[in-house]
Amino acid sequence: MPAANDALARVFAALGDPTRLRLVTMLCAGGALSIAQLTASTDISRQGVTKHLEVLAQAGVVQDVRAGRERLWQLDPTQIASARRTLELIGKQWDVALGGLKAFVESQ
């Protein structure tokens, strides 16, 4: 389980940056996009966007594919799905804990 936790920590760390989160949002909405398309709506250089994409790729959130001479970036939903399941589990655990706290307070 520690390896899985390390992988999830990399996902959450990668998504914790506003620029990277914006890039993931763009890829969710637009499918595979080129660096030019990803930089069109931002003031970050292509090199800067590439560095952010590489962090996301190392976390397993995005992957690049070749389309001719162009390098396109697309979302890899595997790690996102794992992070979502983890957040859902944490949410359920919080619901149980808060339910116990509520029962305790009401019994006093």
C-alpha atoms as a PDB file:
ATOM      1  CA  MET A   1       0.000   0.000   0.000  1.00  0.00           C
ATOM      2  CA  PRO A   2       2.864   2.508   0.565  1.00  0.00           C
ATOM      3  CA  ALA A   3       3.658   2.504  -3.173  1.00  0.00           C
ATOM      4  CA  ALA A   4       0.023   3.263  -3.962  1.00  0.00           C
ATOM      5  CA  ASN A   5       0.068   6.062  -1.380  1.00  0.00           C
ATOM      6  CA  ASP A   6       3.235   7.484  -2.942  1.00  0.00           C
ATOM      7  CA  ALA A   7       1.582   7.466  -6.370  1.00  0.00           C
ATOM      8  CA  LEU A   8      -1.517   9.201  -4.997  1.00  0.00           C
ATOM      9  CA  ALA A   9       0.637  11.774  -3.223  1.00  0.00           C
ATOM     10  CA  ARG A  10       2.320  12.591  -6.559  1.00  0.00           C
ATOM     11  CA  VAL A  11      -1.110  13.008  -8.191  1.00  0.00           C
ATOM     12  CA  PHE A  12      -2.387  15.337  -5.474  1.00  0.00           C
ATOM     13  CA  ALA A  13       0.882  17.301  -5.464  1.00  0.00           C
ATOM     14  CA  ALA A  14       0.761  17.683  -9.243  1.00  0.00           C
ATOM     15  CA  LEU A  15      -2.863  18.814  -9.147  1.00  0.00           C
ATOM     16  CA  GLY A  16      -2.139  21.202  -6.278  1.00  0.00           C
ATOM     17  CA  ASP A  17      -0.559  23.714  -8.645  1.00  0.00           C
ATOM     18  CA  PRO A  18      -3.117  26.091 -10.236  1.00  0.00           C
ATOM     19  CA  THR A  19      -1.424  26.039 -13.646  1.00  0.00           C
ATOM     20  CA  ARG A  20      -1.319  22.255 -13.781  1.00  0.00           C
ATOM     21  CA  LEU A  21      -4.906  22.021 -12.590  1.00  0.00           C
ATOM     22  CA  ARG A  22      -5.911  24.413 -15.398  1.00  0.00           C
ATOM     23  CA  LEU A  23      -4.047  22.261 -17.943  1.00  0.00           C
ATOM     24  CA  VAL A  24      -5.844  19.127 -16.718  1.00  0.00           C
ATOM     25  CA  THR A  25      -9.165  20.954 -16.958  1.00  0.00           C
ATOM     26  CA  MET A  26      -8.376  21.952 -20.531  1.00  0.00           C
ATOM     27  CA  LEU A  27      -7.445  18.386 -21.435  1.00  0.00           C
ATOM     28  CA  CYS A  28     -10.662  17.083 -19.854  1.00  0.00           C
ATOM     29  CA  ALA A  29     -12.722  19.431 -21.976  1.00  0.00           C
ATOM     30  CA  GLY A  30     -10.745  19.381 -25.197  1.00  0.00           C
ATOM     31  CA  GLY A  31      -9.262  15.923 -25.598  1.00  0.00           C
ATOM     32  CA  ALA A  32      -5.685  15.658 -26.875  1.00  0.00           C
ATOM     33  CA  LEU A  33      -4.145  19.104 -27.358  1.00  0.00           C
ATOM     34  CA  SER A  34      -0.829  20.435 -28.601  1.00  0.00           C
ATOM     35  CA  ILE A  35       1.476  22.734 -26.659  1.00  0.00           C
ATOM     36  CA  ALA A  36       0.356  25.596 -28.915  1.00  0.00           C
ATOM     37  CA  GLN A  37      -3.286  24.941 -28.049  1.00  0.00           C
ATOM     38  CA  LEU A  38      -2.504  24.662 -24.339  1.00  0.00           C
ATOM     39  CA  THR A  39      -0.531  27.925 -24.278  1.00  0.00           C
ATOM     40  CA  ALA A  40      -3.044  29.907 -26.347  1.00  0.00           C
ATOM     41  CA  SER A  41      -5.169  30.890 -23.343  1.00  0.00           C
ATOM     42  CA  THR A  42      -2.358  31.477 -20.861  1.00  0.00           C
ATOM     43  CA  ASP A  43       0.524  33.875 -20.360  1.00  0.00           C
ATOM     44  CA  ILE A  44       2.956  31.016 -19.677  1.00  0.00           C
ATOM     45  CA  SER A  45       5.591  30.179 -22.274  1.00  0.00           C
ATOM     46  CA  ARG A  46       5.543  26.922 -24.207  1.00  0.00           C
ATOM     47  CA  GLN A  47       8.604  25.836 -22.269  1.00  0.00           C
ATOM     48  CA  GLY A  48       6.830  26.563 -18.984  1.00  0.00           C
ATOM     49  CA  VAL A  49       3.731  24.626 -20.035  1.00  0.00           C
ATOM     50  CA  THR A  50       5.942  21.727 -21.146  1.00  0.00           C
ATOM     51  CA  LYS A  51       7.560  21.597 -17.704  1.00  0.00           C
ATOM     52  CA  HIS A  52       4.139  21.519 -16.042  1.00  0.00           C
ATOM     53  CA  LEU A  53       3.011  18.754 -18.402  1.00  0.00           C
ATOM     54  CA  GLU A  54       6.105  16.726 -17.561  1.00  0.00           C
ATOM     55  CA  VAL A  55       5.261  16.941 -13.835  1.00  0.00           C
ATOM     56  CA  LEU A  56       1.723  15.772 -14.643  1.00  0.00           C
ATOM     57  CA  ALA A  57       3.127  12.953 -16.789  1.00  0.00           C
ATOM     58  CA  GLN A  58       5.450  11.804 -13.987  1.00  0.00           C
ATOM     59  CA  ALA A  59       2.393  11.654 -11.720  1.00  0.00           C
ATOM     60  CA  GLY A  60       0.578   9.566 -14.338  1.00  0.00           C
ATOM     61  CA  VAL A  61      -2.113  12.182 -14.956  1.00  0.00           C
ATOM     62  CA  VAL A  62      -1.313  12.938 -18.610  1.00  0.00           C
ATOM     63  CA  GLN A  63       0.540  11.274 -21.442  1.00  0.00           C
ATOM     64  CA  ASP A  64       1.883  12.456 -24.741  1.00  0.00           C
ATOM     65  CA  VAL A  65       1.177  10.899 -28.115  1.00  0.00           C
ATOM     66  CA  ARG A  66       2.741  11.605 -31.473  1.00  0.00           C
ATOM     67  CA  ALA A  67       0.527  12.753 -34.326  1.00  0.00           C
ATOM     68  CA  GLY A  68       2.884  13.145 -37.247  1.00  0.00           C
ATOM     69  CA  ARG A  69       5.467  15.723 -36.216  1.00  0.00           C
ATOM     70  CA  GLU A  70       3.259  17.073 -33.469  1.00  0.00           C
ATOM     71  CA  ARG A  71       3.270  16.011 -29.836  1.00  0.00           C
ATOM     72  CA  LEU A  72      -0.220  15.962 -28.349  1.00  0.00           C
ATOM     73  CA  TRP A  73      -1.049  15.718 -24.683  1.00  0.00           C
ATOM     74  CA  GLN A  74      -4.046  13.848 -23.334  1.00  0.00           C
ATOM     75  CA  LEU A  75      -5.488  12.965 -19.977  1.00  0.00           C
ATOM     76  CA  ASP A  76      -4.711   9.518 -18.574  1.00  0.00           C
ATOM     77  CA  PRO A  77      -7.744   8.861 -16.369  1.00  0.00           C
ATOM     78  CA  THR A  78      -6.248   5.937 -14.408  1.00  0.00           C
ATOM     79  CA  GLN A  79      -4.561   7.972 -11.662  1.00  0.00           C
ATOM     80  CA  ILE A  80      -7.400  10.501 -11.564  1.00  0.00           C
ATOM     81  CA  ALA A  81      -9.876   7.649 -10.973  1.00  0.00           C
ATOM     82  CA  SER A  82      -7.687   6.270  -8.196  1.00  0.00           C
ATOM     83  CA  ALA A  83      -7.483   9.699  -6.548  1.00  0.00           C
ATOM     84  CA  ARG A  84     -11.246  10.087  -6.848  1.00  0.00           C
ATOM     85  CA  ARG A  85     -11.853   6.698  -5.176  1.00  0.00           C
ATOM     86  CA  THR A  86      -9.514   7.708  -2.363  1.00  0.00           C
ATOM     87  CA  LEU A  87     -11.361  10.993  -1.839  1.00  0.00           C
ATOM     88  CA  GLU A  88     -14.694   9.159  -1.828  1.00  0.00           C
ATOM     89  CA  LEU A  89     -13.361   6.740   0.807  1.00  0.00           C
ATOM     90  CA  ILE A  90     -12.109   9.630   2.937  1.00  0.00           C
ATOM     91  CA  GLY A  91     -15.500  11.312   2.546  1.00  0.00           C
ATOM     92  CA  LYS A  92     -17.293   8.178   3.757  1.00  0.00           C
ATOM     93  CA  GLN A  93     -14.938   7.902   6.725  1.00  0.00           C
ATOM     94  CA  TRP A  94     -15.649  11.528   7.613  1.00  0.00           C
ATOM     95  CA  ASP A  95     -19.396  10.886   7.374  1.00  0.00           C
ATOM     96  CA  VAL A  96     -19.062   7.974   9.820  1.00  0.00           C
ATOM     97  CA  ALA A  97     -16.878  10.006  12.193  1.00  0.00           C
ATOM     98  CA  LEU A  98     -19.221  12.994  12.106  1.00  0.00           C
ATOM     99  CA  GLY A  99     -22.198  10.700  12.635  1.00  0.00           C
ATOM    100  CA  GLY A 100     -20.508   9.292  15.727  1.00  0.00           C
ATOM    101  CA  LEU A 101     -19.715  12.773  16.987  1.00  0.00           C
ATOM    102  CA  LYS A 102     -23.316  13.863  16.422  1.00  0.00           C
ATOM    103  CA  ALA A 103     -24.644  10.839  18.316  1.00  0.00           C
ATOM    104  CA  PHE A 104     -22.244  11.543  21.181  1.00  0.00           C
ATOM    105  CA  VAL A 105     -23.197  15.229  21.390  1.00  0.00           C
ATOM    106  CA  GLU A 106     -26.910  14.449  21.244  1.00  0.00           C
ATOM    107  CA  SER A 107     -26.560  11.872  24.031  1.00  0.00           C
ATOM    108  CA  GLN A 108     -25.007  14.413  26.412  1.00  0.00           C
END
